[in-house]
Every structure is written in structure tokens, then in C-alpha cells.
Amino acid sequence: GEAFVEALRSRIGRKSIDVYPVDYPATTDFPTALDGVRDASARVESMAANCPNTDIVLGGFSQGAAVAGFVTANVIPDGAPEGVPNPMPSDVSKHVAAVALFGKPNDRFMRAIRQPDVEVGPLYADKTVDMCVDDDFVCSSGGDFNAHTQYVETGKVDQAAIFTAAKIAAMSLPPEATPHTPAPAGQPHLPTTVGPQQSTAPA
């Protein structure tokens, strides 16, 4: 997480970053990640409502990537344990610039621990970068335990930061001016100006 934040910080110019660590017990007891889904969903919804000009970035590694993935879901997945929060309102997605996932548990891994597959919701799919080191036993068909710890060394963190910075920059572009409707004969054309959209830090 820290490596990703620092890599992103160096690529967003004069914008600032505030980091919110999701509150949940990251343990081998995978269902405890539900606490993280609840906490992260509540945080994102609160930020979208109270700080609408903030570009929100979701990020996670391994179990944290599963949490971030479930947060974006548009439906409660089949086989989810009791207590899974309802999906976030669809308009919240407009405030999320990017989702960066590192070593997201694949379907094979999730079946092995008897948990539902992690599926990024359609409103977030084109904003998501899903990084998996070759042979990482968690996210690929490989069986290399060491690969799961090599996201910095293999450049995956930098790749995700580049992707995320581009998505943040795109959120800050001014909206395109709407085409002018020709004025009736004898009426002056009024100029239309479009100011830049305010945008602050990703959270």
C-alpha cells in the first residue's frame, strides 16, 4: 500500500493525497474481510457525499484486493456469507477515479477457501487495473509463493500508479462544451464559457 501511494504521489503534480487505511483484521480467516467491505463502502459513500470534488482511488493487495473488488460489486455475490453490505449506490461510481488491485485472489483460490468469486462491478471495470505477477499462486495458475511479494520489484506498482494517475487526470479535465444551437434570425449569439472542474486529492 505504501509503495503504491508513494508511486502515485510522484505522478499527480500539485494534487495532494490523503490515505485511509481500511479497518478490518487481515487474517487467514478470510470471511473477516467482510468488516473491510463494510468499512470501505461506508468511507467511499461518505467521501462521495461530503467531498464530491475529491477523486477517490480504491487500492488493495491480496485479501485487500478482494475487499476492494467486493466494494465495487453491483450485486451481492452468490455464496456470500450473511452480513454482506448492499452494493453502493450507482452514482457513487462517478466519484471513483480508479481501482488498483494487486494479487487479487482468482476464482481457483476463492473456491479453495469456499468463498465467492471476486468480480469487479461493471461501473468500475474500465477504471480498474488488475495486477498479477507471473506465477503468483494467489492470482494466477502458478504456484510460486515468493511471486506474491514481488509487486514492487516487477514494476507492477509503478504500472498501476501510471494507470491511476491518468484516470485522475481525466477526471480533472473540463467537460466538453455543448454544441451551440443556432440563434433565431436577428438574435445575437451569446458566448458560452466552460470552466475547469474542481478536483482535489484522491482518497
C-alpha atoms as a PDB file:
ATOM      1  CA  GLY A   1       0.000   0.000   0.000  1.00  0.00           C
ATOM      2  CA  GLU A   2       2.684   2.484   0.959  1.00  0.00           C
ATOM      3  CA  ALA A   3       4.689   1.753  -2.199  1.00  0.00           C
ATOM      4  CA  PHE A   4       1.629   2.396  -4.365  1.00  0.00           C
ATOM      5  CA  VAL A   5       0.792   5.662  -2.586  1.00  0.00           C
ATOM      6  CA  GLU A   6       4.344   6.956  -2.986  1.00  0.00           C
ATOM      7  CA  ALA A   7       4.467   5.922  -6.645  1.00  0.00           C
ATOM      8  CA  LEU A   8       1.180   7.706  -7.259  1.00  0.00           C
ATOM      9  CA  ARG A   9       2.147  10.808  -5.279  1.00  0.00           C
ATOM     10  CA  SER A  10       5.058  11.453  -7.613  1.00  0.00           C
ATOM     11  CA  ARG A  11       2.775  11.363 -10.657  1.00  0.00           C
ATOM     12  CA  ILE A  12      -0.127  13.663  -9.773  1.00  0.00           C
ATOM     13  CA  GLY A  13       1.595  17.029  -9.848  1.00  0.00           C
ATOM     14  CA  ARG A  14       0.387  19.538  -7.280  1.00  0.00           C
ATOM     15  CA  LYS A  15      -2.529  17.444  -6.057  1.00  0.00           C
ATOM     16  CA  SER A  16      -2.350  16.080  -2.533  1.00  0.00           C
ATOM     17  CA  ILE A  17      -3.147  12.598  -1.271  1.00  0.00           C
ATOM     18  CA  ASP A  18      -4.942  11.601   1.893  1.00  0.00           C
ATOM     19  CA  VAL A  19      -4.773   7.908   2.747  1.00  0.00           C
ATOM     20  CA  TYR A  20      -7.474   5.990   4.592  1.00  0.00           C
ATOM     21  CA  PRO A  21      -6.453   2.534   5.890  1.00  0.00           C
ATOM     22  CA  VAL A  22      -9.476   0.247   5.781  1.00  0.00           C
ATOM     23  CA  ASP A  23     -10.315  -1.113   9.208  1.00  0.00           C
ATOM     24  CA  TYR A  24     -10.514  -4.906   9.255  1.00  0.00           C
ATOM     25  CA  PRO A  25      -8.487  -7.827  10.630  1.00  0.00           C
ATOM     26  CA  ALA A  26      -6.433  -9.072   7.674  1.00  0.00           C
ATOM     27  CA  THR A  27      -6.010 -12.716   8.669  1.00  0.00           C
ATOM     28  CA  THR A  28      -6.111 -16.171   7.158  1.00  0.00           C
ATOM     29  CA  ASP A  29      -9.728 -16.294   8.351  1.00  0.00           C
ATOM     30  CA  PHE A  30     -10.871 -14.831   5.049  1.00  0.00           C
ATOM     31  CA  PRO A  31     -14.518 -14.055   5.967  1.00  0.00           C
ATOM     32  CA  THR A  32     -13.238 -11.400   8.399  1.00  0.00           C
ATOM     33  CA  ALA A  33     -12.680  -9.341   5.245  1.00  0.00           C
ATOM     34  CA  LEU A  34     -16.396  -8.577   5.431  1.00  0.00           C
ATOM     35  CA  ASP A  35     -15.529  -5.979   8.061  1.00  0.00           C
ATOM     36  CA  GLY A  36     -13.296  -4.355   5.466  1.00  0.00           C
ATOM     37  CA  VAL A  37     -16.018  -4.349   2.819  1.00  0.00           C
ATOM     38  CA  ARG A  38     -18.391  -2.617   5.236  1.00  0.00           C
ATOM     39  CA  ASP A  39     -15.796  -0.078   6.352  1.00  0.00           C
ATOM     40  CA  ALA A  40     -14.515   0.726   2.859  1.00  0.00           C
ATOM     41  CA  SER A  41     -18.024   1.035   1.396  1.00  0.00           C
ATOM     42  CA  ALA A  42     -19.059   3.401   4.174  1.00  0.00           C
ATOM     43  CA  ARG A  43     -15.924   5.508   3.663  1.00  0.00           C
ATOM     44  CA  VAL A  44     -16.364   5.777  -0.105  1.00  0.00           C
ATOM     45  CA  GLU A  45     -20.047   6.677   0.200  1.00  0.00           C
ATOM     46  CA  SER A  46     -19.256   9.293   2.851  1.00  0.00           C
ATOM     47  CA  MET A  47     -16.483  10.850   0.757  1.00  0.00           C
ATOM     48  CA  ALA A  48     -18.675  10.945  -2.335  1.00  0.00           C
ATOM     49  CA  ALA A  49     -21.433  12.715  -0.411  1.00  0.00           C
ATOM     50  CA  ASN A  50     -19.354  15.122   1.678  1.00  0.00           C
ATOM     51  CA  CYS A  51     -16.361  15.784  -0.599  1.00  0.00           C
ATOM     52  CA  PRO A  52     -17.827  15.494  -4.107  1.00  0.00           C
ATOM     53  CA  ASN A  53     -14.799  17.096  -5.803  1.00  0.00           C
ATOM     54  CA  THR A  54     -12.378  14.560  -4.359  1.00  0.00           C
ATOM     55  CA  ASP A  55     -11.080  11.875  -6.715  1.00  0.00           C
ATOM     56  CA  ILE A  56     -11.349   8.582  -4.854  1.00  0.00           C
ATOM     57  CA  VAL A  57      -8.932   5.722  -5.530  1.00  0.00           C
ATOM     58  CA  LEU A  58      -9.519   2.229  -4.172  1.00  0.00           C
ATOM     59  CA  GLY A  59      -6.495   0.014  -3.765  1.00  0.00           C
ATOM     60  CA  GLY A  60      -5.703  -3.314  -2.204  1.00  0.00           C
ATOM     61  CA  PHE A  61      -3.234  -6.182  -2.106  1.00  0.00           C
ATOM     62  CA  SER A  62      -4.201  -9.868  -1.816  1.00  0.00           C
ATOM     63  CA  GLN A  63      -7.049 -10.019   0.713  1.00  0.00           C
ATOM     64  CA  GLY A  64      -7.235  -6.237   0.450  1.00  0.00           C
ATOM     65  CA  ALA A  65      -7.677  -6.567  -3.316  1.00  0.00           C
ATOM     66  CA  ALA A  66     -10.611  -8.884  -2.670  1.00  0.00           C
ATOM     67  CA  VAL A  67     -12.087  -6.290  -0.311  1.00  0.00           C
ATOM     68  CA  ALA A  68     -11.706  -3.525  -2.902  1.00  0.00           C
ATOM     69  CA  GLY A  69     -13.192  -5.763  -5.572  1.00  0.00           C
ATOM     70  CA  PHE A  70     -16.232  -6.641  -3.465  1.00  0.00           C
ATOM     71  CA  VAL A  71     -16.747  -2.948  -2.656  1.00  0.00           C
ATOM     72  CA  THR A  72     -17.290  -2.260  -6.375  1.00  0.00           C
ATOM     73  CA  ALA A  73     -19.787  -5.100  -6.857  1.00  0.00           C
ATOM     74  CA  ASN A  74     -23.204  -4.238  -8.258  1.00  0.00           C
ATOM     75  CA  VAL A  75     -24.818  -7.336  -6.749  1.00  0.00           C
ATOM     76  CA  ILE A  76     -24.261  -9.428  -3.654  1.00  0.00           C
ATOM     77  CA  PRO A  77     -22.319 -12.440  -4.982  1.00  0.00           C
ATOM     78  CA  ASP A  78     -23.771 -15.934  -4.798  1.00  0.00           C
ATOM     79  CA  GLY A  79     -22.443 -17.789  -1.794  1.00  0.00           C
ATOM     80  CA  ALA A  80     -21.577 -14.630   0.107  1.00  0.00           C
ATOM     81  CA  PRO A  81     -21.766 -15.040   3.886  1.00  0.00           C
ATOM     82  CA  GLU A  82     -24.503 -13.376   5.876  1.00  0.00           C
ATOM     83  CA  GLY A  83     -23.893  -9.733   6.669  1.00  0.00           C
ATOM     84  CA  VAL A  84     -22.507  -8.616   3.309  1.00  0.00           C
ATOM     85  CA  PRO A  85     -23.464  -4.948   2.816  1.00  0.00           C
ATOM     86  CA  ASN A  86     -25.677  -3.928  -0.073  1.00  0.00           C
ATOM     87  CA  PRO A  87     -23.867  -2.626  -3.173  1.00  0.00           C
ATOM     88  CA  MET A  88     -23.037   1.069  -3.147  1.00  0.00           C
ATOM     89  CA  PRO A  89     -25.448   3.408  -4.986  1.00  0.00           C
ATOM     90  CA  SER A  90     -24.569   3.621  -8.672  1.00  0.00           C
ATOM     91  CA  ASP A  91     -23.926   7.386  -8.607  1.00  0.00           C
ATOM     92  CA  VAL A  92     -21.017   6.828  -6.195  1.00  0.00           C
ATOM     93  CA  SER A  93     -19.013   5.390  -9.095  1.00  0.00           C
ATOM     94  CA  LYS A  94     -18.743   8.870 -10.642  1.00  0.00           C
ATOM     95  CA  HIS A  95     -16.501   9.898  -7.736  1.00  0.00           C
ATOM     96  CA  VAL A  96     -14.131   6.926  -8.042  1.00  0.00           C
ATOM     97  CA  ALA A  97     -11.252   7.670 -10.399  1.00  0.00           C
ATOM     98  CA  ALA A  98      -9.548   4.282 -10.283  1.00  0.00           C
ATOM     99  CA  VAL A  99      -9.347   0.889  -8.615  1.00  0.00           C
ATOM    100  CA  ALA A 100      -5.880  -0.666  -8.268  1.00  0.00           C
ATOM    101  CA  LEU A 101      -5.752  -4.360  -7.392  1.00  0.00           C
ATOM    102  CA  PHE A 102      -2.560  -6.300  -6.641  1.00  0.00           C
ATOM    103  CA  GLY A 103      -2.608 -10.083  -6.370  1.00  0.00           C
ATOM    104  CA  LYS A 104      -6.406 -10.297  -6.350  1.00  0.00           C
ATOM    105  CA  PRO A 105      -7.428 -13.844  -5.404  1.00  0.00           C
ATOM    106  CA  ASN A 106      -8.620 -15.629  -8.519  1.00  0.00           C
ATOM    107  CA  ASP A 107     -11.587 -17.967  -8.846  1.00  0.00           C
ATOM    108  CA  ARG A 108      -9.459 -21.049  -8.105  1.00  0.00           C
ATOM    109  CA  PHE A 109      -8.139 -19.545  -4.886  1.00  0.00           C
ATOM    110  CA  MET A 110     -11.574 -18.358  -3.745  1.00  0.00           C
ATOM    111  CA  ARG A 111     -13.122 -21.767  -4.413  1.00  0.00           C
ATOM    112  CA  ALA A 112     -10.350 -23.399  -2.399  1.00  0.00           C
ATOM    113  CA  ILE A 113     -11.280 -21.290   0.628  1.00  0.00           C
ATOM    114  CA  ARG A 114     -15.019 -21.677  -0.102  1.00  0.00           C
ATOM    115  CA  GLN A 115     -15.685 -18.015  -0.738  1.00  0.00           C
ATOM    116  CA  PRO A 116     -17.475 -16.302  -3.656  1.00  0.00           C
ATOM    117  CA  ASP A 117     -15.503 -15.110  -6.671  1.00  0.00           C
ATOM    118  CA  VAL A 118     -14.275 -11.526  -6.683  1.00  0.00           C
ATOM    119  CA  GLU A 119     -15.942  -9.713  -9.582  1.00  0.00           C
ATOM    120  CA  VAL A 120     -15.392  -6.004 -10.175  1.00  0.00           C
ATOM    121  CA  GLY A 121     -18.720  -4.331 -10.929  1.00  0.00           C
ATOM    122  CA  PRO A 122     -19.450  -3.028 -14.459  1.00  0.00           C
ATOM    123  CA  LEU A 123     -19.455   0.623 -13.350  1.00  0.00           C
ATOM    124  CA  TYR A 124     -15.830   0.252 -12.246  1.00  0.00           C
ATOM    125  CA  ALA A 125     -14.451  -2.203 -14.809  1.00  0.00           C
ATOM    126  CA  ASP A 126     -12.866   0.376 -17.142  1.00  0.00           C
ATOM    127  CA  LYS A 127     -11.353   2.187 -14.132  1.00  0.00           C
ATOM    128  CA  THR A 128      -9.703  -0.929 -12.754  1.00  0.00           C
ATOM    129  CA  VAL A 129      -6.129  -2.112 -13.149  1.00  0.00           C
ATOM    130  CA  ASP A 130      -5.717  -5.733 -12.018  1.00  0.00           C
ATOM    131  CA  MET A 131      -2.034  -6.563 -11.498  1.00  0.00           C
ATOM    132  CA  CYS A 132      -0.801 -10.146 -11.135  1.00  0.00           C
ATOM    133  CA  VAL A 133       2.848 -11.183 -11.032  1.00  0.00           C
ATOM    134  CA  ASP A 134       3.614 -14.216 -13.193  1.00  0.00           C
ATOM    135  CA  ASP A 135       3.230 -17.473 -11.235  1.00  0.00           C
ATOM    136  CA  ASP A 136       1.712 -15.735  -8.180  1.00  0.00           C
ATOM    137  CA  PHE A 137      -0.171 -18.606  -6.531  1.00  0.00           C
ATOM    138  CA  VAL A 138      -2.997 -16.302  -5.410  1.00  0.00           C
ATOM    139  CA  CYS A 139      -3.957 -14.662  -8.693  1.00  0.00           C
ATOM    140  CA  SER A 140      -2.558 -16.949 -11.406  1.00  0.00           C
ATOM    141  CA  SER A 141      -2.398 -20.659 -12.201  1.00  0.00           C
ATOM    142  CA  GLY A 142       1.191 -20.741 -10.948  1.00  0.00           C
ATOM    143  CA  GLY A 143       2.417 -21.958  -7.604  1.00  0.00           C
ATOM    144  CA  ASP A 144       5.159 -19.517  -6.647  1.00  0.00           C
ATOM    145  CA  PHE A 145       4.656 -18.250  -3.089  1.00  0.00           C
ATOM    146  CA  ASN A 146       7.504 -15.739  -3.429  1.00  0.00           C
ATOM    147  CA  ALA A 147       5.931 -14.147  -6.501  1.00  0.00           C
ATOM    148  CA  HIS A 148       3.094 -12.912  -4.313  1.00  0.00           C
ATOM    149  CA  THR A 149       5.507 -10.491  -2.625  1.00  0.00           C
ATOM    150  CA  GLN A 150       7.170  -9.106  -5.755  1.00  0.00           C
ATOM    151  CA  TYR A 151       4.827  -6.367  -6.940  1.00  0.00           C
ATOM    152  CA  VAL A 152       7.335  -3.566  -6.375  1.00  0.00           C
ATOM    153  CA  GLU A 153      10.319  -5.425  -7.850  1.00  0.00           C
ATOM    154  CA  THR A 154       8.457  -6.454 -11.007  1.00  0.00           C
ATOM    155  CA  GLY A 155       7.264  -2.906 -11.742  1.00  0.00           C
ATOM    156  CA  LYS A 156       3.594  -3.725 -11.188  1.00  0.00           C
ATOM    157  CA  VAL A 157       3.211  -0.977  -8.566  1.00  0.00           C
ATOM    158  CA  ASP A 158       4.613   1.642 -10.956  1.00  0.00           C
ATOM    159  CA  GLN A 159       2.368   0.400 -13.773  1.00  0.00           C
ATOM    160  CA  ALA A 160      -0.683   0.731 -11.544  1.00  0.00           C
ATOM    161  CA  ALA A 161       0.389   4.222 -10.446  1.00  0.00           C
ATOM    162  CA  ILE A 162       0.740   5.343 -14.075  1.00  0.00           C
ATOM    163  CA  PHE A 163      -2.724   3.975 -14.889  1.00  0.00           C
ATOM    164  CA  THR A 164      -4.253   5.609 -11.808  1.00  0.00           C
ATOM    165  CA  ALA A 165      -2.613   8.989 -12.409  1.00  0.00           C
ATOM    166  CA  ALA A 166      -4.023   9.021 -15.938  1.00  0.00           C
ATOM    167  CA  LYS A 167      -7.510   8.275 -14.623  1.00  0.00           C
ATOM    168  CA  ILE A 168      -7.220  11.075 -12.051  1.00  0.00           C
ATOM    169  CA  ALA A 169      -6.066  13.488 -14.754  1.00  0.00           C
ATOM    170  CA  ALA A 170      -9.033  12.518 -16.913  1.00  0.00           C
ATOM    171  CA  MET A 171     -11.418  13.275 -14.034  1.00  0.00           C
ATOM    172  CA  SER A 172      -9.937  16.805 -13.826  1.00  0.00           C
ATOM    173  CA  LEU A 173     -10.498  17.719 -17.473  1.00  0.00           C
ATOM    174  CA  PRO A 174     -13.173  20.357 -18.108  1.00  0.00           C
ATOM    175  CA  PRO A 175     -16.419  18.973 -19.510  1.00  0.00           C
ATOM    176  CA  GLU A 176     -16.816  19.360 -23.242  1.00  0.00           C
ATOM    177  CA  ALA A 177     -18.787  22.416 -24.269  1.00  0.00           C
ATOM    178  CA  THR A 178     -22.232  21.579 -25.530  1.00  0.00           C
ATOM    179  CA  PRO A 179     -22.807  22.346 -29.216  1.00  0.00           C
ATOM    180  CA  HIS A 180     -24.346  25.758 -29.871  1.00  0.00           C
ATOM    181  CA  THR A 181     -27.908  25.870 -31.086  1.00  0.00           C
ATOM    182  CA  PRO A 182     -28.180  28.434 -33.870  1.00  0.00           C
ATOM    183  CA  ALA A 183     -29.888  31.587 -32.651  1.00  0.00           C
ATOM    184  CA  PRO A 184     -33.066  32.721 -34.385  1.00  0.00           C
ATOM    185  CA  ALA A 185     -32.552  35.223 -37.165  1.00  0.00           C
ATOM    186  CA  GLY A 186     -31.849  38.684 -35.829  1.00  0.00           C
ATOM    187  CA  GLN A 187     -30.790  37.364 -32.381  1.00  0.00           C
ATOM    188  CA  PRO A 188     -27.161  37.674 -31.172  1.00  0.00           C
ATOM    189  CA  HIS A 189     -25.110  34.580 -30.398  1.00  0.00           C
ATOM    190  CA  LEU A 190     -24.174  34.515 -26.723  1.00  0.00           C
ATOM    191  CA  PRO A 191     -20.727  33.111 -25.957  1.00  0.00           C
ATOM    192  CA  THR A 192     -20.543  30.032 -23.752  1.00  0.00           C
ATOM    193  CA  THR A 193     -17.583  29.501 -21.453  1.00  0.00           C
ATOM    194  CA  VAL A 194     -16.741  26.296 -19.642  1.00  0.00           C
ATOM    195  CA  GLY A 195     -14.566  26.467 -16.535  1.00  0.00           C
ATOM    196  CA  PRO A 196     -12.383  23.651 -15.274  1.00  0.00           C
ATOM    197  CA  GLN A 197     -13.975  21.169 -12.910  1.00  0.00           C
ATOM    198  CA  GLN A 198     -12.629  21.495  -9.406  1.00  0.00           C
ATOM    199  CA  SER A 199     -10.734  18.465  -8.281  1.00  0.00           C
ATOM    200  CA  THR A 200      -8.842  17.782  -5.105  1.00  0.00           C
ATOM    201  CA  ALA A 201      -6.955  14.830  -3.756  1.00  0.00           C
ATOM    202  CA  PRO A 202      -7.663  11.140  -4.236  1.00  0.00           C
ATOM    203  CA  ALA A 203      -8.502   9.302  -1.033  1.00  0.00           C
END
